[in-house]
N, C-alpha and C. Protein backbone atom coordinates (compact mmCIF):
# COMPACT_ATOMS: atom_id res chain seq x y z
N MET A 1 47.58 131.77 0.95
CA MET A 1 47.65 132.17 2.59
C MET A 1 47.27 133.47 2.71
N ASN A 2 45.95 133.49 3.32
CA ASN A 2 45.45 134.99 3.51
C ASN A 2 46.16 135.56 4.79
N LEU A 3 45.52 137.65 4.80
CA LEU A 3 46.99 137.90 5.66
C LEU A 3 46.67 137.67 6.70
N LEU A 4 45.38 137.49 7.87
CA LEU A 4 45.30 136.68 9.16
C LEU A 4 46.37 135.58 9.58
N THR A 5 46.01 134.65 8.63
CA THR A 5 47.16 133.63 8.47
C THR A 5 48.32 133.68 8.86
N GLN A 6 49.11 134.66 8.02
CA GLN A 6 50.53 135.66 7.71
C GLN A 6 51.03 135.86 8.58
N VAL A 7 50.02 136.78 9.80
CA VAL A 7 50.03 137.05 10.68
C VAL A 7 50.73 136.29 11.58
N TRP A 8 49.79 135.61 11.88
CA TRP A 8 49.87 134.45 13.14
C TRP A 8 51.00 133.88 12.90
N CYS A 9 51.18 133.16 12.47
CA CYS A 9 51.99 132.87 11.47
C CYS A 9 53.38 133.67 11.83
N ILE A 10 53.55 134.40 11.44
CA ILE A 10 54.68 135.28 12.22
C ILE A 10 54.84 135.61 13.41
N VAL A 11 54.08 135.83 14.05
CA VAL A 11 53.95 136.12 15.10
C VAL A 11 53.92 135.14 16.27
N LEU A 12 53.54 133.99 16.27
CA LEU A 12 53.59 132.32 16.50
C LEU A 12 55.15 132.26 16.37
N SER A 13 55.88 132.47 15.38
CA SER A 13 57.23 132.07 15.07
C SER A 13 58.53 133.12 15.99
N VAL A 14 57.91 133.76 15.42
CA VAL A 14 58.46 134.55 16.50
C VAL A 14 58.58 135.16 17.95
N CYS A 15 57.54 134.37 18.27
CA CYS A 15 57.14 134.51 20.01
C CYS A 15 58.15 132.53 20.12
N ILE A 16 58.29 131.80 19.58
CA ILE A 16 59.17 130.67 19.83
C ILE A 16 60.23 131.09 19.84
N ILE A 17 60.75 131.71 18.67
CA ILE A 17 62.08 132.29 18.83
C ILE A 17 62.86 132.77 19.47
N ILE A 18 62.06 133.65 20.14
CA ILE A 18 62.61 134.43 21.41
C ILE A 18 62.55 133.71 22.72
N TYR A 19 61.73 132.60 22.65
CA TYR A 19 61.23 131.53 23.67
C TYR A 19 62.26 131.09 23.66
N LEU A 20 63.20 130.26 22.70
CA LEU A 20 64.17 129.60 22.10
C LEU A 20 65.49 130.43 22.86
N VAL A 21 65.53 131.52 21.99
CA VAL A 21 66.98 132.13 22.92
C VAL A 21 66.71 132.55 24.23
N VAL A 22 66.04 133.15 25.04
CA VAL A 22 65.93 133.09 26.28
C VAL A 22 66.22 131.38 27.33
N ASN A 23 65.97 130.74 26.93
CA ASN A 23 66.61 129.35 27.20
C ASN A 23 67.76 129.14 26.74
N ILE A 24 68.10 129.76 25.96
CA ILE A 24 69.83 129.13 25.90
C ILE A 24 70.39 130.42 25.93
N CYS A 25 70.29 131.54 26.16
CA CYS A 25 70.67 132.36 27.43
C CYS A 25 70.64 131.62 29.13
N ARG A 26 69.80 131.38 29.50
CA ARG A 26 69.60 130.57 30.68
C ARG A 26 70.43 129.12 30.61
N GLN A 27 70.21 128.74 29.76
CA GLN A 27 71.60 127.31 29.73
C GLN A 27 70.51 126.08 30.10
N LYS A 28 69.18 126.69 29.08
CA LYS A 28 67.75 125.49 29.87
C LYS A 28 68.32 124.59 28.51
N TYR A 29 68.39 125.06 27.40
CA TYR A 29 68.59 124.33 26.25
C TYR A 29 70.02 124.99 25.41
N SER A 30 70.15 123.60 24.75
CA SER A 30 71.97 123.70 24.15
C SER A 30 71.87 123.93 22.73
N VAL A 31 72.43 125.06 22.10
CA VAL A 31 71.79 125.71 20.94
C VAL A 31 72.16 124.50 19.98
N LYS A 32 73.23 123.82 20.48
CA LYS A 32 73.04 122.20 19.10
C LYS A 32 71.90 121.79 18.84
N PHE A 33 70.66 121.47 20.19
CA PHE A 33 69.43 121.27 19.86
C PHE A 33 68.81 122.02 19.07
N SER A 34 68.45 123.34 19.91
CA SER A 34 67.73 124.50 19.57
C SER A 34 67.88 124.86 17.69
N MET A 35 69.04 124.55 17.12
CA MET A 35 69.56 125.68 15.89
C MET A 35 68.58 125.01 14.87
N PRO A 36 68.04 123.19 14.33
CA PRO A 36 67.28 123.01 13.87
C PRO A 36 66.24 123.83 14.00
N TRP A 37 64.80 123.89 15.09
CA TRP A 37 64.34 124.06 15.72
C TRP A 37 64.23 125.55 14.74
N PHE A 38 65.15 125.97 15.56
CA PHE A 38 65.39 127.78 15.20
C PHE A 38 65.15 127.95 13.82
N LEU A 39 65.93 127.41 13.16
CA LEU A 39 66.39 127.49 11.74
C LEU A 39 64.93 126.74 10.55
N SER A 40 63.98 126.25 11.22
CA SER A 40 62.88 125.44 11.10
C SER A 40 61.10 126.97 11.02
N PHE A 41 61.68 127.67 12.24
CA PHE A 41 60.89 128.68 12.57
C PHE A 41 61.24 130.22 11.68
N LEU A 42 62.07 130.19 11.40
CA LEU A 42 62.49 131.06 10.77
C LEU A 42 62.46 131.04 8.61
N ALA A 43 62.18 129.69 8.69
CA ALA A 43 62.18 129.34 7.54
C ALA A 43 60.24 129.57 7.41
N VAL A 44 59.48 129.44 8.79
CA VAL A 44 58.42 129.66 8.21
C VAL A 44 58.00 131.54 8.43
N ILE A 45 58.98 132.01 9.05
CA ILE A 45 58.52 133.61 8.99
C ILE A 45 58.97 133.97 7.35
N VAL A 46 59.89 133.22 6.82
CA VAL A 46 60.42 133.65 5.57
C VAL A 46 59.38 133.33 4.39
N MET A 47 58.66 131.62 4.69
CA MET A 47 57.64 131.91 3.81
C MET A 47 56.19 132.37 4.45
N SER A 48 55.74 133.16 5.73
CA SER A 48 54.67 133.44 6.01
C SER A 48 54.96 135.28 5.30
N VAL A 49 55.98 135.74 5.06
CA VAL A 49 56.07 137.29 4.75
C VAL A 49 56.75 136.77 3.38
N PHE A 50 56.91 135.89 1.98
CA PHE A 50 56.85 135.55 1.01
C PHE A 50 56.05 134.57 0.61
N PRO A 51 54.72 134.33 0.39
CA PRO A 51 54.27 133.44 0.49
C PRO A 51 54.39 132.23 -0.87
N GLY A 52 54.90 133.65 -1.97
CA GLY A 52 55.22 132.72 -3.08
C GLY A 52 56.00 131.85 -3.34
N THR A 53 56.83 131.89 -2.34
CA THR A 53 57.87 131.15 -1.87
C THR A 53 57.76 129.29 -1.86
N ILE A 54 56.71 128.71 -0.91
CA ILE A 54 55.85 128.09 -0.75
C ILE A 54 55.83 127.13 -2.08
N ASP A 55 55.37 127.95 -3.42
CA ASP A 55 54.75 127.67 -4.78
C ASP A 55 55.66 127.11 -5.41
N GLU A 56 56.80 128.37 -5.34
CA GLU A 56 58.06 127.84 -6.03
C GLU A 56 59.07 126.97 -5.28
N ILE A 57 58.78 126.72 -4.30
CA ILE A 57 59.75 125.13 -3.75
C ILE A 57 58.33 124.06 -3.96
N ALA A 58 57.36 124.14 -4.31
CA ALA A 58 56.43 122.65 -4.85
C ALA A 58 57.15 122.41 -5.98
N THR A 59 57.22 123.82 -6.92
CA THR A 59 57.21 123.19 -8.28
C THR A 59 58.65 122.41 -8.62
N LEU A 60 59.58 123.48 -7.45
CA LEU A 60 60.96 122.84 -7.41
C LEU A 60 60.95 121.00 -7.15
N LEU A 61 60.13 121.06 -6.51
CA LEU A 61 60.36 119.69 -5.84
C LEU A 61 59.58 118.68 -6.66
N GLY A 62 58.65 119.29 -7.53
CA GLY A 62 57.90 118.45 -8.38
C GLY A 62 56.45 118.36 -7.77
N ILE A 63 55.46 118.80 -6.72
CA ILE A 63 54.50 118.25 -6.02
C ILE A 63 53.85 119.77 -6.54
N HIS A 64 52.28 118.95 -7.01
CA HIS A 64 51.48 120.20 -7.95
C HIS A 64 51.02 121.28 -6.46
N GLU A 65 50.64 120.30 -5.00
CA GLU A 65 49.84 121.56 -4.36
C GLU A 65 50.66 121.90 -3.33
N SER A 66 50.34 123.55 -3.03
CA SER A 66 51.65 123.84 -2.12
C SER A 66 51.51 123.52 -0.78
N THR A 67 50.16 123.36 -0.64
CA THR A 67 50.24 122.86 1.54
C THR A 67 50.47 120.87 1.38
N ASN A 68 51.02 120.59 0.03
CA ASN A 68 51.18 119.24 -0.13
C ASN A 68 52.70 119.05 0.18
N ALA A 69 53.28 120.11 -0.36
CA ALA A 69 54.67 120.44 -0.43
C ALA A 69 55.30 121.05 1.11
N ILE A 70 54.46 121.97 1.37
CA ILE A 70 54.76 122.48 3.27
C ILE A 70 55.05 121.29 4.13
N PHE A 71 53.58 120.27 3.95
CA PHE A 71 53.70 118.79 4.52
C PHE A 71 54.76 118.18 4.63
N PHE A 72 55.44 118.14 3.47
CA PHE A 72 56.13 117.05 2.92
C PHE A 72 57.65 117.81 3.57
N ILE A 73 57.81 118.96 3.29
CA ILE A 73 59.38 119.60 4.45
C ILE A 73 59.40 119.57 5.83
N ALA A 74 58.07 119.97 6.01
CA ALA A 74 57.87 119.76 7.58
C ALA A 74 57.97 118.54 8.35
N ILE A 75 57.55 117.41 7.73
CA ILE A 75 57.96 115.52 8.02
C ILE A 75 59.22 115.93 7.79
N SER A 76 59.70 116.30 6.99
CA SER A 76 61.48 115.91 6.50
C SER A 76 62.03 116.68 7.80
N LEU A 77 61.80 117.64 8.06
CA LEU A 77 62.22 118.73 8.97
C LEU A 77 61.95 117.81 10.33
N LEU A 78 60.81 117.15 10.33
CA LEU A 78 60.77 116.49 11.85
C LEU A 78 62.47 115.56 12.17
N ILE A 79 62.00 114.73 11.19
CA ILE A 79 62.89 113.61 10.45
C ILE A 79 64.33 113.80 10.74
N ILE A 80 64.55 115.12 10.17
CA ILE A 80 66.31 115.66 10.55
C ILE A 80 66.52 115.90 11.86
N ASN A 81 65.75 116.61 12.49
CA ASN A 81 65.70 116.92 14.19
C ASN A 81 65.34 115.33 15.12
N ILE A 82 64.60 114.11 14.54
CA ILE A 82 64.85 113.38 15.34
C ILE A 82 65.89 112.25 15.17
N MET A 83 66.52 112.27 13.51
CA MET A 83 67.78 111.53 13.47
C MET A 83 68.74 112.18 14.37
N SER A 84 69.05 113.75 14.69
CA SER A 84 69.62 114.29 14.57
C SER A 84 69.98 113.86 16.41
N MET A 85 68.87 114.37 17.02
CA MET A 85 68.72 113.74 18.46
C MET A 85 69.15 112.36 18.60
N SER A 86 68.82 111.78 17.77
CA SER A 86 69.08 109.96 18.15
C SER A 86 70.49 109.62 18.16
N PHE A 87 71.21 110.55 17.02
CA PHE A 87 72.63 110.70 17.33
C PHE A 87 73.46 110.85 18.14
N SER A 88 72.51 112.33 18.95
CA SER A 88 73.28 112.78 20.18
C SER A 88 72.93 112.04 21.36
N MET A 89 72.20 111.00 21.52
CA MET A 89 71.70 110.22 22.60
C MET A 89 72.68 108.63 22.31
N SER A 90 73.34 108.51 21.13
CA SER A 90 73.86 107.38 21.36
C SER A 90 75.30 107.74 21.58
N GLU A 91 75.67 109.11 21.56
CA GLU A 91 76.81 109.70 21.58
C GLU A 91 76.69 109.61 23.08
N THR A 92 76.10 110.60 23.76
CA THR A 92 76.06 110.08 25.24
C THR A 92 76.07 109.06 25.98
N LYS A 93 75.36 107.95 24.93
CA LYS A 93 74.97 106.74 25.84
C LYS A 93 76.64 106.24 25.92
N LYS A 94 77.33 106.22 24.92
CA LYS A 94 79.04 105.77 24.71
C LYS A 94 79.92 106.85 26.23
N LYS A 95 79.39 107.76 26.16
CA LYS A 95 80.25 108.78 27.03
C LYS A 95 79.70 108.20 28.72
N SER A 96 78.55 107.86 28.96
CA SER A 96 77.91 107.56 29.98
C SER A 96 79.04 106.33 30.59
N ILE A 97 78.59 104.88 29.28
CA ILE A 97 79.11 103.95 29.70
C ILE A 97 80.94 103.95 30.16
N ARG A 98 81.43 104.81 28.83
CA ARG A 98 82.74 104.98 29.78
C ARG A 98 83.12 105.86 30.50
N ILE A 99 82.33 106.62 31.20
CA ILE A 99 82.73 107.05 32.49
C ILE A 99 82.07 105.79 33.74
N ALA A 100 80.98 105.05 33.32
CA ALA A 100 81.00 104.66 34.65
C ALA A 100 81.88 103.53 35.11
N GLN A 101 82.72 102.76 33.66
CA GLN A 101 83.87 101.94 33.64
C GLN A 101 84.98 102.51 34.54
N GLU A 102 85.38 103.96 33.71
CA GLU A 102 86.14 104.74 34.07
C GLU A 102 86.28 104.74 36.18
N ILE A 103 85.00 105.22 36.54
CA ILE A 103 84.72 105.06 37.68
C ILE A 103 84.75 104.11 38.39
N ALA A 104 84.13 102.60 37.90
CA ALA A 104 84.73 101.37 38.86
C ALA A 104 86.49 101.32 38.70
N LEU A 105 86.81 101.29 37.80
CA LEU A 105 88.29 100.87 37.97
C LEU A 105 88.73 101.93 38.75
N LEU A 106 88.49 103.30 39.05
CA LEU A 106 89.14 103.96 40.09
C LEU A 106 88.49 103.28 41.58
N ARG A 107 87.67 103.23 41.69
CA ARG A 107 86.97 102.69 43.07
C ARG A 107 87.44 101.39 43.51
N LYS A 108 87.97 100.77 42.81
CA LYS A 108 88.74 99.10 42.79
C LYS A 108 90.45 99.58 43.06
N GLU A 109 90.70 100.60 42.36
CA GLU A 109 92.00 101.41 42.70
C GLU A 109 92.51 101.97 43.96
N LEU A 110 90.99 102.52 44.76
CA LEU A 110 91.02 103.38 45.92
C LEU A 110 90.97 101.96 46.55
N SER A 111 90.28 100.98 46.74
CA SER A 111 90.00 100.06 47.67
C SER A 111 91.00 99.19 47.84
N GLY A 112 92.10 98.98 46.75
CA GLY A 112 93.38 98.10 46.60
C GLY A 112 94.25 99.14 47.56
N ILE A 113 94.00 100.11 47.33
CA ILE A 113 95.44 101.08 48.43
C ILE A 113 94.96 101.24 49.88
N LYS A 114 93.40 100.87 50.05
CA LYS A 114 93.13 101.53 51.71
C LYS A 114 93.48 100.11 52.32
């Protein structure tokens, strides 16, 4: 990785991390959903500052090309993020069904009182 690519990766990652932190402070994003992205871009910064870590990780994973290791790691992180969001969506759906049922029961109870 040449110096210009390293600098661009670092600058872009820092900008995205700042964007995430600002939106967390403004309560536009949840910390829970932002954490995987924060950690991903932090990893990009570490790999940009120390480009040899990509080769080390590729060797540990048994991958011969470091670019293939980058794609493997990126796809794995995206899958983990998607699974995490799917889990949260399922939990939210369960909660909204429960709330709707409670509201229906309360309305029925109120209509019986009137």
